[in-house]
Amino acid sequence: MFIIEFLGWLGMAVVLTAFMLISLTDKLVVSSWIYQAANLVGSVFVLVNNVAHGAWPGVVLNVVWGVVAAIALIRTVRKK
């Protein structure tokens, strides 16, 4: 169960770090592949934790978050 908890905390840290870098600094832009990849990876990690704990609203949130991030990442990479 340690790995499930670790992934949950790591995913949360990745998503929040990306969000803070977008919102509070000029170090990252929403159109960057790094931002979209961070959202995708973070949402998948938190999703694993949510499923393991039966947190179904979080599962839905992170599935949608991950799908949106994946679409945005594909679009971002294709533009370059």
Protein backbone atom coordinates (compact mmCIF):
# COMPACT_ATOMS: atom_id res chain seq x y z
CA MET A 1 0.00 0.00 0.00
CA PHE A 2 3.01 2.31 0.40
CA ILE A 3 3.39 2.69 -3.37
CA ILE A 4 -0.29 3.69 -3.72
CA GLU A 5 0.12 6.41 -1.09
CA PHE A 6 3.42 7.52 -2.59
CA LEU A 7 1.87 7.84 -6.06
CA GLY A 8 -1.03 9.84 -4.67
CA TRP A 9 1.24 12.31 -2.91
CA LEU A 10 3.64 12.52 -5.84
CA GLY A 11 0.81 13.09 -8.32
CA MET A 12 -0.66 15.82 -6.15
CA ALA A 13 2.76 17.50 -5.89
CA VAL A 14 3.30 17.35 -9.67
CA VAL A 15 -0.12 18.85 -10.49
CA LEU A 16 0.14 21.56 -7.85
CA THR A 17 3.69 22.48 -8.82
CA ALA A 18 2.68 22.87 -12.45
CA PHE A 19 -0.36 24.92 -11.43
CA MET A 20 1.72 27.20 -9.20
CA LEU A 21 4.37 27.69 -11.90
CA ILE A 22 1.64 28.73 -14.35
CA SER A 23 -0.27 30.93 -11.92
CA LEU A 24 2.46 32.57 -9.87
CA THR A 25 5.53 32.76 -12.10
CA ASP A 26 6.59 33.17 -15.71
CA LYS A 27 8.57 29.94 -15.65
CA LEU A 28 5.94 27.87 -17.47
CA VAL A 29 3.23 28.55 -20.02
CA VAL A 30 0.00 26.64 -20.48
CA SER A 31 0.88 25.82 -24.07
CA SER A 32 4.12 24.04 -23.11
CA TRP A 33 4.38 20.28 -23.40
CA ILE A 34 5.96 20.17 -19.94
CA TYR A 35 2.83 21.64 -18.35
CA GLN A 36 0.53 19.25 -20.19
CA ALA A 37 2.75 16.25 -19.42
CA ALA A 38 2.84 17.22 -15.72
CA ASN A 39 -0.96 17.34 -15.67
CA LEU A 40 -1.21 13.97 -17.39
CA VAL A 41 1.33 12.21 -15.17
CA GLY A 42 0.00 13.82 -12.00
CA SER A 43 -3.60 12.92 -12.78
CA VAL A 44 -2.69 9.29 -13.51
CA PHE A 45 -0.78 8.98 -10.23
CA VAL A 46 -3.64 10.49 -8.22
CA LEU A 47 -6.09 8.31 -10.16
CA VAL A 48 -4.28 5.16 -9.01
CA ASN A 49 -4.60 6.35 -5.41
CA ASN A 50 -8.28 7.26 -5.84
CA VAL A 51 -9.14 3.85 -7.31
CA ALA A 52 -7.30 2.04 -4.52
CA HIS A 53 -9.28 3.97 -1.92
CA GLY A 54 -12.61 3.83 -3.73
CA ALA A 55 -12.73 7.63 -3.99
CA TRP A 56 -15.03 7.64 -7.03
CA PRO A 57 -15.53 11.42 -7.39
CA GLY A 58 -11.73 11.72 -7.50
CA VAL A 59 -11.58 8.92 -10.06
CA VAL A 60 -13.98 10.78 -12.37
CA LEU A 61 -12.12 14.06 -11.84
CA ASN A 62 -8.74 12.54 -12.64
CA VAL A 63 -9.97 10.57 -15.65
CA VAL A 64 -11.34 13.78 -17.16
CA TRP A 65 -8.22 15.72 -16.10
CA GLY A 66 -5.98 13.09 -17.70
CA VAL A 67 -7.97 12.92 -20.95
CA VAL A 68 -7.93 16.70 -21.32
CA ALA A 69 -4.19 16.78 -20.56
CA ALA A 70 -3.51 13.98 -23.06
CA ILE A 71 -5.43 15.77 -25.82
CA ALA A 72 -3.68 19.06 -25.03
CA LEU A 73 -0.29 17.33 -24.97
CA ILE A 74 -0.88 15.71 -28.36
CA ARG A 75 -1.98 19.03 -29.84
CA THR A 76 1.02 20.81 -28.33
CA VAL A 77 3.51 18.28 -29.66
CA ARG A 78 1.93 18.28 -33.13
CA LYS A 79 2.27 22.07 -33.40
CA LYS A 80 6.04 21.87 -33.01
